[in-house]
Amino acid sequence: MKLTKTEDPAGDAAFAAARTTYILGVDVGSTVIRCHVYDKGVALRGSGRKQVEVLHPQTGWVEIDPECLWTQFVEVIKEAVQDAGIQISQVSALGISTQRATFITWNKKSGKPFHNFISWQDVRAAELVKSWNRSFLLKAMHGVSSLLHFFTRINLFLIASLLTFTTQHVSLRLAWVLQHISEVEQAAKDDNCCFGTIDTWLLYKLTKGAVYATDYSNASTTAFFDPFKLQWSVLLSKLFSIPISLFPPVEDTSHHFGSVDAEIFGVPFPITALVADQQAAMFGECCFDEGDIKITMGTGSFWDINTGSKIHVSRTGLYPLVGWKIGKELTYLAEANASDTGNAIKWAQDLDLFSSAEETSEMANSLVNSGGVCFVPSFSGLQIPVNDPCACTSFMGITPSTTKNHLVRAVLESIAFRNKQLYDTIAREVGIPPTSIWADGGVSKNSFIMQMTSDLINREINKSVITDMSCLGAAFLAGLAVGFWNDKQQLKKLRQTDVVFKPQKEPKEYELAMGNWIKAVKRSLHWYSHT
């Protein structure tokens, strides 16, 4: 006799389990690709991880093999699904977060890449950047734009009057490609060239060439996108002779981009979010309200403040970004960053100053101060508010009595001091009262840095339970698109705080130490003359 469900409770449970669905969030970072499997309660059910294979074919060149990245991307998803003990058919949707401003070009007809991914860290276009920043044309544009802004008060002219280029901008690295790779130059002339950041390439591969697109958050980080008109910049296109036809259509951040081709994982499932990594972390922290601040401390430190529907135009280098676009909702961010955070700690570890990062807080707390030692973290120059790409990394104030603990404390203090600089710049310039502050990233696990930062800025900092926030943000955005979660209020209720760091010392207690550190910074400036 055939059993009914009520007569077979074990079978009924198995049937119910099979119907349970999950969301995949993938983050393709500068060093690691991660995939997390989340349930509706945001419990991490499984994960996968691969190290990004970075290539350095020449000094200053930083590349990623696109086919290798694609293989790793597929493997990390399979690994996470297997780790979760689920079937791929139980995946409701996929959200993808990616490192920003790393790009590739490929043949529109064949889908074959013309070259490797050129990383945001790549400096091959340094001479081109220097040439443009010194050019008469740019100086003339600054003058005309300043005059137009004076009479019209239109912020677009203010941005144009302050425009300078860096190697992190896609614009001049792409111009370099067009100048040095004849195959790309010809394909662009023949309208047979596709440009894409990592999100666009992965979407193209996942759909086997059926979908070619990016989202507003990724587009806004290329520095080739007009945040006012929400389109690729006609001005920069004409300035660099780069045809607009190279660039992909721009869609909402939470959007049904298409479905994964069934041949890749065995079944199709929807791709419903593409998002840049810092914007993904901001969304994962549920920093949805104007004035909310997110700090991600990984390889570098990224401070982002929600500026609502307004674009913040900065005179000191705060970068205006599209946070996300979901239907009619368009949220902007202003971002300040310091390039050397986790990598400074890793460098100190490589020097055998300590065995594992976990012990650094204890080493730092074993002393009342750094013994006069100052560390300037500047492997990639110093960003705002210093803005000196030629600054050097340095230790200063070392004496015969200096110990490893002093050196370690100086490294950790430098990260907190940079955090103070970035917070002060945001608080002073943006003009929006900061509300809540949320922190994530691997370095946020360091209690010494977190407590000192809280003391210095005299604000509470909420450290999230989840440190890989970019994966969660991509999952949230993907889940909203398919009704896995109802709305942002539901997401806020799922947010979990691990520790709240409250100020324990007055900021003035750090005045002497920070004053000495600022002296050390000044002595590290303009060290290199070749950039």
Protein backbone atom coordinates (compact mmCIF):
# COMPACT_ATOMS: atom_id res chain seq x y z
CA MET A 1 0.00 0.00 0.00
CA LYS A 2 1.34 3.48 -0.90
CA LEU A 3 2.13 5.62 2.16
CA THR A 4 0.68 9.09 2.50
CA LYS A 5 2.75 11.94 3.92
CA THR A 6 1.06 11.68 7.31
CA GLU A 7 2.00 8.03 7.47
CA ASP A 8 5.68 8.79 6.71
CA PRO A 9 6.85 11.72 8.86
CA ALA A 10 10.51 11.08 8.00
CA GLY A 11 9.74 11.31 4.30
CA ASP A 12 7.67 14.43 4.90
CA ALA A 13 10.62 16.08 6.68
CA ALA A 14 12.93 15.16 3.83
CA PHE A 15 10.45 16.61 1.33
CA ALA A 16 10.19 19.84 3.33
CA ALA A 17 13.99 20.09 3.59
CA ALA A 18 14.33 19.67 -0.15
CA ARG A 19 11.94 22.59 -0.69
CA THR A 20 13.98 24.90 1.58
CA THR A 21 15.77 27.49 -0.49
CA TYR A 22 18.94 29.51 0.01
CA ILE A 23 20.74 32.56 -1.32
CA LEU A 24 24.32 32.57 -2.59
CA GLY A 25 26.53 35.60 -1.99
CA VAL A 26 29.90 35.66 -3.74
CA ASP A 27 32.61 38.26 -3.17
CA VAL A 28 35.53 38.44 -5.60
CA GLY A 29 38.08 40.45 -3.65
CA SER A 30 41.62 41.53 -4.43
CA THR A 31 43.11 38.50 -2.67
CA VAL A 32 40.27 36.02 -2.00
CA ILE A 33 37.10 34.75 -3.67
CA ARG A 34 34.45 33.74 -1.14
CA CYS A 35 31.02 32.18 -1.55
CA HIS A 36 28.56 31.95 1.35
CA VAL A 37 25.26 30.11 1.48
CA TYR A 38 22.62 31.87 3.62
CA ASP A 39 19.22 30.82 4.85
CA LYS A 40 16.35 33.22 5.58
CA GLY A 41 17.61 33.81 9.10
CA VAL A 42 21.03 34.81 7.68
CA ALA A 43 22.64 31.74 9.20
CA LEU A 44 25.77 30.76 7.28
CA ARG A 45 25.00 27.25 6.02
CA GLY A 46 28.13 26.67 3.94
CA SER A 47 31.08 28.45 2.41
CA GLY A 48 33.84 28.14 -0.14
CA ARG A 49 37.11 30.02 -0.52
CA LYS A 50 39.85 30.36 -3.13
CA GLN A 51 42.94 32.54 -3.26
CA VAL A 52 42.94 34.95 -6.19
CA GLU A 53 45.96 34.22 -8.38
CA VAL A 54 47.52 37.63 -9.02
CA LEU A 55 50.10 38.04 -11.80
CA HIS A 56 52.95 40.56 -11.97
CA PRO A 57 54.29 40.29 -15.55
CA GLN A 58 56.30 43.51 -15.17
CA THR A 59 57.19 45.84 -12.34
CA GLY A 60 54.08 47.79 -11.40
CA TRP A 61 51.76 45.63 -13.51
CA VAL A 62 49.06 43.74 -11.61
CA GLU A 63 46.87 41.32 -13.58
CA ILE A 64 44.44 38.43 -13.16
CA ASP A 65 43.99 35.67 -15.74
CA PRO A 66 40.26 35.84 -16.68
CA GLU A 67 39.88 32.14 -17.40
CA CYS A 68 41.60 31.23 -14.15
CA LEU A 69 39.30 33.60 -12.26
CA TRP A 70 36.28 32.10 -13.99
CA THR A 71 37.33 28.55 -13.08
CA GLN A 72 37.90 29.56 -9.45
CA PHE A 73 34.53 31.34 -9.35
CA VAL A 74 32.69 28.20 -10.47
CA GLU A 75 34.70 26.01 -8.09
CA VAL A 76 34.04 28.23 -5.07
CA ILE A 77 30.27 28.08 -5.66
CA LYS A 78 30.35 24.29 -5.97
CA GLU A 79 32.47 24.06 -2.83
CA ALA A 80 30.05 26.24 -0.82
CA VAL A 81 26.97 24.34 -1.97
CA GLN A 82 28.63 21.02 -1.11
CA ASP A 83 29.73 22.41 2.26
CA ALA A 84 26.13 23.45 2.98
CA GLY A 85 24.88 19.94 2.20
CA ILE A 86 22.24 21.22 -0.20
CA GLN A 87 21.36 20.72 -3.85
CA ILE A 88 22.09 23.43 -6.38
CA SER A 89 18.37 23.35 -7.27
CA GLN A 90 17.68 24.83 -3.81
CA VAL A 91 19.45 28.08 -4.73
CA SER A 92 16.90 30.87 -5.07
CA ALA A 93 19.30 33.47 -6.43
CA LEU A 94 22.92 34.55 -6.76
CA GLY A 95 24.36 37.93 -5.79
CA ILE A 96 27.88 38.93 -6.87
CA SER A 97 30.13 41.48 -5.15
CA THR A 98 33.42 42.35 -6.81
CA GLN A 99 36.60 44.37 -6.34
CA ARG A 100 36.26 47.69 -8.08
CA ALA A 101 37.83 49.26 -11.17
CA THR A 102 39.58 46.05 -12.28
CA PHE A 103 38.70 45.60 -15.95
CA ILE A 104 39.09 43.60 -19.12
CA THR A 105 38.21 43.96 -22.80
CA TRP A 106 37.12 41.15 -25.10
CA ASN A 107 36.01 40.36 -28.63
CA LYS A 108 32.27 40.95 -28.97
CA LYS A 109 31.85 38.23 -31.60
CA SER A 110 34.03 35.45 -30.20
CA GLY A 111 33.94 36.30 -26.48
CA LYS A 112 37.74 35.88 -26.34
CA PRO A 113 39.59 38.29 -24.01
CA PHE A 114 42.14 40.61 -25.60
CA HIS A 115 44.26 40.67 -22.43
CA ASN A 116 44.23 39.77 -18.74
CA PHE A 117 42.25 41.72 -16.17
CA ILE A 118 44.13 44.91 -15.32
CA SER A 119 43.83 45.40 -11.58
CA TRP A 120 42.92 48.63 -9.82
CA GLN A 121 46.38 48.27 -8.21
CA ASP A 122 48.15 48.36 -11.58
CA VAL A 123 50.32 51.44 -12.23
CA ARG A 124 51.35 50.90 -15.88
CA ALA A 125 49.53 54.11 -16.81
CA ALA A 126 51.46 56.24 -14.27
CA GLU A 127 53.30 58.26 -16.91
CA LEU A 128 50.07 58.82 -18.82
CA VAL A 129 48.39 59.98 -15.61
CA LYS A 130 51.25 62.37 -14.87
CA SER A 131 51.14 63.73 -18.41
CA TRP A 132 47.39 64.36 -18.30
CA ASN A 133 47.47 65.98 -14.87
CA ARG A 134 50.13 68.41 -16.13
CA SER A 135 48.47 69.02 -19.49
CA PHE A 136 47.33 72.42 -20.71
CA LEU A 137 43.99 70.89 -21.69
CA LEU A 138 43.19 69.75 -18.14
CA LYS A 139 44.32 73.07 -16.67
CA ALA A 140 42.12 74.92 -19.18
CA MET A 141 39.18 72.68 -18.26
CA HIS A 142 39.79 73.44 -14.56
CA GLY A 143 39.76 77.17 -15.26
CA VAL A 144 36.63 77.16 -17.40
CA SER A 145 34.78 74.83 -15.02
CA SER A 146 35.70 76.98 -12.00
CA LEU A 147 34.31 80.03 -13.77
CA LEU A 148 31.13 78.23 -14.76
CA HIS A 149 30.65 76.94 -11.21
CA PHE A 150 31.13 80.46 -9.83
CA PHE A 151 28.28 81.78 -11.97
CA THR A 152 25.95 78.76 -11.98
CA ARG A 153 26.74 76.96 -8.70
CA ILE A 154 26.17 73.70 -10.59
CA ASN A 155 28.06 70.89 -8.82
CA LEU A 156 28.94 69.14 -12.07
CA PHE A 157 31.21 72.09 -12.91
CA LEU A 158 32.74 71.95 -9.43
CA ILE A 159 33.65 68.30 -9.95
CA ALA A 160 35.15 69.13 -13.35
CA SER A 161 37.17 71.98 -11.82
CA LEU A 162 38.71 69.60 -9.28
CA LEU A 163 39.25 66.66 -11.63
CA THR A 164 42.63 64.97 -11.44
CA PHE A 165 43.48 61.46 -12.55
CA THR A 166 45.04 58.54 -10.70
CA THR A 167 46.14 55.09 -11.80
CA GLN A 168 43.17 53.66 -9.90
CA HIS A 169 40.80 55.31 -12.38
CA VAL A 170 39.76 53.05 -15.24
CA SER A 171 39.90 55.93 -17.75
CA LEU A 172 43.66 56.23 -18.25
CA ARG A 173 44.39 52.53 -17.82
CA LEU A 174 41.85 51.88 -20.58
CA ALA A 175 43.40 54.66 -22.68
CA TRP A 176 46.77 52.91 -22.18
CA VAL A 177 45.27 49.64 -23.46
CA LEU A 178 43.90 51.34 -26.57
CA GLN A 179 47.29 52.94 -27.22
CA HIS A 180 49.40 49.82 -26.67
CA ILE A 181 47.28 46.86 -27.79
CA SER A 182 46.52 47.32 -31.49
CA GLU A 183 43.99 44.48 -31.50
CA VAL A 184 41.84 46.36 -28.96
CA GLU A 185 42.21 49.64 -30.83
CA GLN A 186 41.03 48.02 -34.07
CA ALA A 187 38.15 46.17 -32.37
CA ALA A 188 36.98 49.44 -30.82
CA LYS A 189 36.97 51.08 -34.25
CA ASP A 190 35.03 48.11 -35.67
CA ASP A 191 32.50 48.17 -32.79
CA ASN A 192 33.66 44.67 -31.91
CA CYS A 193 35.04 45.38 -28.42
CA CYS A 194 33.38 44.84 -25.04
CA PHE A 195 34.61 46.47 -21.84
CA GLY A 196 33.78 45.07 -18.44
CA THR A 197 34.69 45.19 -14.80
CA ILE A 198 34.80 41.80 -13.06
CA ASP A 199 31.03 41.72 -12.46
CA THR A 200 30.30 42.23 -16.17
CA TRP A 201 32.72 39.50 -17.25
CA LEU A 202 31.32 36.97 -14.76
CA LEU A 203 27.73 37.78 -15.80
CA TYR A 204 28.72 37.34 -19.44
CA LYS A 205 30.34 33.97 -18.68
CA LEU A 206 27.53 32.74 -16.42
CA THR A 207 24.96 33.40 -19.15
CA LYS A 208 27.27 32.13 -21.93
CA GLY A 209 27.31 35.52 -23.59
CA ALA A 210 23.56 36.12 -23.43
CA VAL A 211 23.75 39.05 -20.99
CA TYR A 212 26.15 42.00 -21.11
CA ALA A 213 25.60 44.53 -18.31
CA THR A 214 26.86 46.13 -15.12
CA ASP A 215 25.15 47.95 -12.25
CA TYR A 216 25.23 51.56 -11.06
CA SER A 217 27.49 50.89 -8.06
CA ASN A 218 30.21 49.27 -10.18
CA ALA A 219 29.89 51.83 -12.96
CA SER A 220 30.30 54.70 -10.48
CA THR A 221 33.65 53.35 -9.25
CA THR A 222 35.29 53.41 -12.69
CA ALA A 223 35.63 57.24 -12.71
CA PHE A 224 34.20 57.06 -16.24
CA PHE A 225 30.60 57.48 -15.13
CA ASP A 226 28.59 60.67 -14.72
CA PRO A 227 26.84 60.37 -11.32
CA PHE A 228 24.55 63.32 -12.10
CA LYS A 229 23.20 62.05 -15.41
CA LEU A 230 23.62 58.37 -14.43
CA GLN A 231 25.33 57.50 -17.70
CA TRP A 232 28.81 56.89 -19.07
CA SER A 233 30.65 60.20 -19.30
CA VAL A 234 30.44 61.83 -22.73
CA LEU A 235 33.06 64.37 -21.61
CA LEU A 236 35.66 61.72 -20.72
CA SER A 237 34.79 59.76 -23.84
CA LYS A 238 35.69 62.77 -25.98
CA LEU A 239 38.67 63.72 -23.82
CA PHE A 240 40.35 60.31 -24.20
CA SER A 241 38.86 59.28 -27.56
CA ILE A 242 37.31 56.21 -25.97
CA PRO A 243 33.99 55.35 -27.68
CA ILE A 244 30.95 55.05 -25.41
CA SER A 245 29.98 51.95 -27.41
CA LEU A 246 32.68 50.00 -25.51
CA PHE A 247 30.75 50.21 -22.24
CA PRO A 248 27.96 47.90 -21.07
CA PRO A 249 24.36 48.89 -20.31
CA VAL A 250 23.89 49.91 -16.66
CA GLU A 251 21.11 48.25 -14.64
CA ASP A 252 19.77 48.47 -11.09
CA THR A 253 21.90 46.88 -8.37
CA SER A 254 19.09 44.55 -7.27
CA HIS A 255 17.76 43.36 -10.61
CA HIS A 256 17.02 40.17 -12.54
CA PHE A 257 20.08 40.18 -14.79
CA GLY A 258 19.42 36.73 -16.24
CA SER A 259 19.86 33.08 -15.31
CA VAL A 260 22.96 30.95 -14.96
CA ASP A 261 23.20 28.67 -17.97
CA ALA A 262 22.03 25.19 -16.97
CA GLU A 263 25.16 23.51 -18.34
CA ILE A 264 27.43 25.21 -15.79
CA PHE A 265 25.95 23.83 -12.54
CA GLY A 266 23.33 21.40 -13.86
CA VAL A 267 20.33 23.65 -13.29
CA PRO A 268 19.62 27.31 -14.01
CA PHE A 269 19.10 29.86 -11.24
CA PRO A 270 18.71 33.64 -11.35
CA ILE A 271 21.47 36.23 -11.00
CA THR A 272 19.74 39.09 -9.19
CA ALA A 273 22.46 41.37 -7.86
CA LEU A 274 25.72 42.87 -9.10
CA VAL A 275 27.39 45.23 -6.64
CA ALA A 276 30.79 46.78 -5.93
CA ASP A 277 32.41 45.37 -2.78
CA GLN A 278 32.32 48.43 -0.49
CA GLN A 279 28.77 49.25 -1.48
CA ALA A 280 27.90 45.60 -0.82
CA ALA A 281 29.41 45.83 2.67
CA MET A 282 27.44 49.04 3.28
CA PHE A 283 24.21 47.28 2.31
CA GLY A 284 25.13 44.22 4.36
CA GLU A 285 25.59 46.46 7.41
CA CYS A 286 22.08 47.83 6.76
CA CYS A 287 23.40 51.39 6.60
CA PHE A 288 20.26 52.49 4.81
CA ASP A 289 19.73 55.88 6.44
CA GLU A 290 21.36 59.21 5.68
CA GLY A 291 24.34 59.70 8.02
CA ASP A 292 24.97 55.98 8.57
CA ILE A 293 28.67 55.12 8.40
CA LYS A 294 30.33 51.83 7.53
CA ILE A 295 34.00 51.02 8.10
CA THR A 296 35.46 48.03 6.31
CA MET A 297 38.98 47.21 7.45
CA GLY A 298 40.59 44.59 5.27
CA THR A 299 43.60 45.12 3.03
CA GLY A 300 42.75 48.81 3.31
CA SER A 301 40.28 50.86 5.35
CA PHE A 302 37.14 52.15 3.67
CA TRP A 303 34.90 54.68 5.41
CA ASP A 304 31.58 55.21 3.64
CA ILE A 305 28.78 57.57 4.69
CA ASN A 306 25.26 57.42 3.32
CA THR A 307 24.49 60.82 1.77
CA GLY A 308 20.97 59.85 0.75
CA SER A 309 19.77 61.16 -2.61
CA LYS A 310 22.45 63.87 -2.70
CA ILE A 311 25.83 63.64 -4.40
CA HIS A 312 28.58 65.00 -2.17
CA VAL A 313 31.09 67.07 -4.13
CA SER A 314 34.39 67.04 -2.28
CA ARG A 315 37.28 69.49 -2.28
CA THR A 316 39.56 67.14 -0.33
CA GLY A 317 39.17 63.90 -2.24
CA LEU A 318 36.12 62.17 -0.75
CA TYR A 319 34.88 60.03 -3.61
CA PRO A 320 31.17 60.29 -4.60
CA LEU A 321 29.69 56.88 -5.37
CA VAL A 322 26.37 55.35 -6.21
CA GLY A 323 25.69 53.08 -3.26
CA TRP A 324 22.86 51.19 -4.90
CA LYS A 325 19.87 51.69 -7.13
CA ILE A 326 16.74 49.63 -6.50
CA GLY A 327 13.81 50.76 -8.62
CA LYS A 328 13.20 54.43 -7.84
CA GLU A 329 15.49 54.34 -4.79
CA LEU A 330 18.89 55.81 -5.54
CA THR A 331 21.39 56.07 -2.67
CA TYR A 332 24.71 57.89 -2.86
CA LEU A 333 27.78 57.47 -0.68
CA ALA A 334 30.88 59.52 0.01
CA GLU A 335 34.00 57.43 0.57
CA ALA A 336 37.34 57.98 2.24
CA ASN A 337 39.96 55.27 2.19
CA ALA A 338 43.44 54.36 3.41
CA SER A 339 45.17 51.74 1.28
CA ASP A 340 47.37 50.16 3.95
CA THR A 341 45.63 48.46 6.86
CA GLY A 342 45.58 44.67 6.84
CA ASN A 343 48.56 44.57 4.51
CA ALA A 344 50.58 46.66 7.03
CA ILE A 345 49.80 44.09 9.71
CA LYS A 346 50.66 41.25 7.30
CA TRP A 347 53.97 42.97 6.47
CA ALA A 348 54.83 43.22 10.17
CA GLN A 349 54.00 39.52 10.57
CA ASP A 350 56.26 38.65 7.63
CA LEU A 351 59.06 40.39 9.54
CA ASP A 352 58.40 37.98 12.44
CA LEU A 353 57.29 40.74 14.79
CA PHE A 354 54.54 38.33 15.86
CA SER A 355 53.28 34.86 14.97
CA SER A 356 49.59 35.53 14.39
CA ALA A 357 47.46 38.67 14.11
CA GLU A 358 45.36 37.51 17.06
CA GLU A 359 48.20 38.18 19.51
CA THR A 360 48.82 41.78 18.43
CA SER A 361 46.15 43.33 20.68
CA GLU A 362 47.67 41.66 23.73
CA MET A 363 51.17 42.81 22.73
CA ALA A 364 49.97 46.39 22.29
CA ASN A 365 48.01 46.41 25.54
CA SER A 366 51.05 45.15 27.46
CA LEU A 367 52.49 48.68 27.15
CA VAL A 368 51.20 52.06 28.27
CA ASN A 369 52.42 53.61 24.99
CA SER A 370 54.62 52.92 21.97
CA GLY A 371 57.74 54.30 23.65
CA GLY A 372 57.87 57.18 21.19
CA VAL A 373 57.87 54.89 18.13
CA CYS A 374 55.71 56.00 15.20
CA PHE A 375 54.78 53.97 12.12
CA VAL A 376 53.55 55.53 8.87
CA PRO A 377 51.54 53.01 6.78
CA SER A 378 52.17 54.17 3.21
CA PHE A 379 53.01 51.26 0.92
CA SER A 380 50.61 52.79 -1.63
CA GLY A 381 51.04 56.43 -0.67
CA LEU A 382 48.71 58.30 1.65
CA GLN A 383 45.19 59.10 0.54
CA ILE A 384 42.89 61.79 2.01
CA PRO A 385 43.30 64.06 3.79
CA VAL A 386 47.06 63.89 3.06
CA ASN A 387 46.82 63.02 -0.65
CA ASP A 388 50.47 62.21 -1.32
CA PRO A 389 51.16 59.21 -3.57
CA CYS A 390 54.90 59.76 -3.00
CA ALA A 391 54.84 59.28 0.80
CA CYS A 392 56.90 56.37 2.13
CA THR A 393 56.30 53.75 4.79
CA SER A 394 58.51 54.37 7.80
CA PHE A 395 59.28 53.66 11.44
CA MET A 396 60.51 56.66 13.44
CA GLY A 397 61.56 57.16 17.05
CA ILE A 398 63.32 53.82 17.47
CA THR A 399 65.80 53.68 20.36
CA PRO A 400 67.98 50.91 21.87
CA SER A 401 65.18 50.15 24.32
CA THR A 402 62.58 49.62 21.58
CA THR A 403 61.06 46.12 21.64
CA LYS A 404 58.88 44.13 19.26
CA ASN A 405 55.88 45.11 21.37
CA HIS A 406 56.64 48.80 20.81
CA LEU A 407 56.86 48.25 17.06
CA VAL A 408 53.62 46.26 16.97
CA ARG A 409 51.80 48.85 19.06
CA ALA A 410 53.05 51.59 16.71
CA VAL A 411 51.66 49.70 13.70
CA LEU A 412 48.24 49.27 15.34
CA GLU A 413 48.18 52.88 16.52
CA SER A 414 48.89 54.11 12.99
CA ILE A 415 45.74 52.37 11.73
CA ALA A 416 43.66 54.02 14.47
CA PHE A 417 45.22 57.41 13.70
CA ARG A 418 44.37 57.02 10.00
CA ASN A 419 40.82 56.09 11.03
CA LYS A 420 40.64 59.31 13.03
CA GLN A 421 41.80 61.32 10.01
CA LEU A 422 39.22 59.72 7.74
CA TYR A 423 36.37 60.15 10.21
CA ASP A 424 37.25 63.80 10.83
CA THR A 425 37.34 64.47 7.08
CA ILE A 426 33.90 62.92 6.60
CA ALA A 427 32.37 64.61 9.65
CA ARG A 428 33.80 68.02 8.73
CA GLU A 429 33.13 68.00 5.01
CA VAL A 430 29.94 66.07 4.30
CA GLY A 431 27.73 68.23 6.50
CA ILE A 432 25.47 65.33 7.50
CA PRO A 433 25.49 64.48 11.22
CA PRO A 434 26.91 60.93 11.52
CA THR A 435 24.35 58.56 13.03
CA SER A 436 25.37 54.95 13.61
CA ILE A 437 28.81 53.50 12.84
CA TRP A 438 29.24 49.85 11.86
CA ALA A 439 32.53 48.01 11.34
CA ASP A 440 33.46 44.82 9.50
CA GLY A 441 36.44 43.21 7.80
CA GLY A 442 39.23 41.07 9.19
CA VAL A 443 41.01 43.93 11.01
CA SER A 444 37.79 44.80 12.88
CA LYS A 445 38.54 41.71 14.98
CA ASN A 446 41.47 43.59 16.50
CA SER A 447 40.13 44.95 19.78
CA PHE A 448 43.04 47.35 20.34
CA ILE A 449 42.49 49.14 17.02
CA MET A 450 38.72 49.21 17.49
CA GLN A 451 38.84 50.57 21.04
CA MET A 452 41.46 53.19 20.20
CA THR A 453 39.43 54.31 17.16
CA SER A 454 36.31 54.63 19.33
CA ASP A 455 38.29 56.72 21.85
CA LEU A 456 39.81 58.95 19.18
CA ILE A 457 36.54 59.78 17.41
CA ASN A 458 34.56 59.75 20.68
CA ARG A 459 31.81 57.62 19.12
CA GLU A 460 30.36 54.15 19.65
CA ILE A 461 31.30 51.62 16.98
CA ASN A 462 29.20 48.52 16.38
CA LYS A 463 31.25 45.54 15.28
CA SER A 464 29.17 43.06 13.33
CA VAL A 465 29.10 39.34 14.02
CA ILE A 466 29.75 38.76 10.31
CA THR A 467 33.13 40.00 9.05
CA ASP A 468 32.68 39.04 5.35
CA MET A 469 30.03 41.69 4.87
CA SER A 470 30.39 42.04 1.10
CA CYS A 471 29.07 38.49 0.63
CA LEU A 472 26.08 39.23 2.85
CA GLY A 473 25.33 42.54 1.11
CA ALA A 474 25.32 40.83 -2.29
CA ALA A 475 23.03 38.11 -0.86
CA PHE A 476 20.67 40.71 0.65
CA LEU A 477 20.35 42.54 -2.67
CA ALA A 478 19.82 39.29 -4.56
CA GLY A 479 17.27 38.06 -2.02
CA LEU A 480 15.19 41.24 -2.18
CA ALA A 481 14.87 40.85 -5.96
CA VAL A 482 13.22 37.40 -5.65
CA GLY A 483 11.19 37.99 -2.47
CA PHE A 484 13.46 35.83 -0.32
CA TRP A 485 13.38 38.76 2.12
CA ASN A 486 10.53 41.25 2.06
CA ASP A 487 12.16 44.62 2.59
CA LYS A 488 15.03 46.49 4.21
CA GLN A 489 13.26 46.68 7.57
CA GLN A 490 13.30 42.89 7.73
CA LEU A 491 17.02 42.94 6.95
CA LYS A 492 17.67 45.39 9.79
CA LYS A 493 16.02 42.97 12.22
CA LEU A 494 18.44 40.25 11.05
CA ARG A 495 21.51 42.44 11.72
CA GLN A 496 23.64 41.06 14.55
CA THR A 497 26.13 42.98 16.69
CA ASP A 498 29.12 41.18 18.14
CA VAL A 499 30.67 43.96 20.25
CA VAL A 500 29.89 47.63 20.80
CA PHE A 501 33.07 49.63 21.38
CA LYS A 502 32.34 52.64 23.56
CA PRO A 503 34.78 55.49 24.24
CA GLN A 504 36.81 54.74 27.39
CA LYS A 505 39.36 57.56 27.18
CA GLU A 506 39.09 61.21 26.26
CA PRO A 507 40.51 62.03 22.79
CA LYS A 508 42.86 64.55 24.43
CA GLU A 509 44.69 61.66 26.14
CA TYR A 510 45.99 60.73 22.66
CA GLU A 511 47.02 64.27 21.66
CA LEU A 512 50.74 63.81 22.34
CA ALA A 513 50.94 60.43 20.57
CA MET A 514 48.94 61.58 17.57
CA GLY A 515 50.89 64.84 17.41
CA ASN A 516 54.14 62.87 17.17
CA TRP A 517 52.58 60.58 14.56
CA ILE A 518 51.55 63.57 12.42
CA LYS A 519 55.16 64.82 12.61
CA ALA A 520 56.29 61.40 11.36
CA VAL A 521 53.78 61.57 8.52
CA LYS A 522 55.07 64.99 7.46
CA ARG A 523 58.63 63.66 7.36
CA SER A 524 57.51 60.75 5.17
CA LEU A 525 55.92 62.95 2.50
CA HIS A 526 57.31 63.48 -1.02
CA TRP A 527 59.86 60.72 -0.48
CA TYR A 528 59.61 59.29 -3.97
CA SER A 529 60.11 61.46 -7.01
CA HIS A 530 59.33 58.94 -9.73
CA THR A 531 55.54 58.96 -9.41
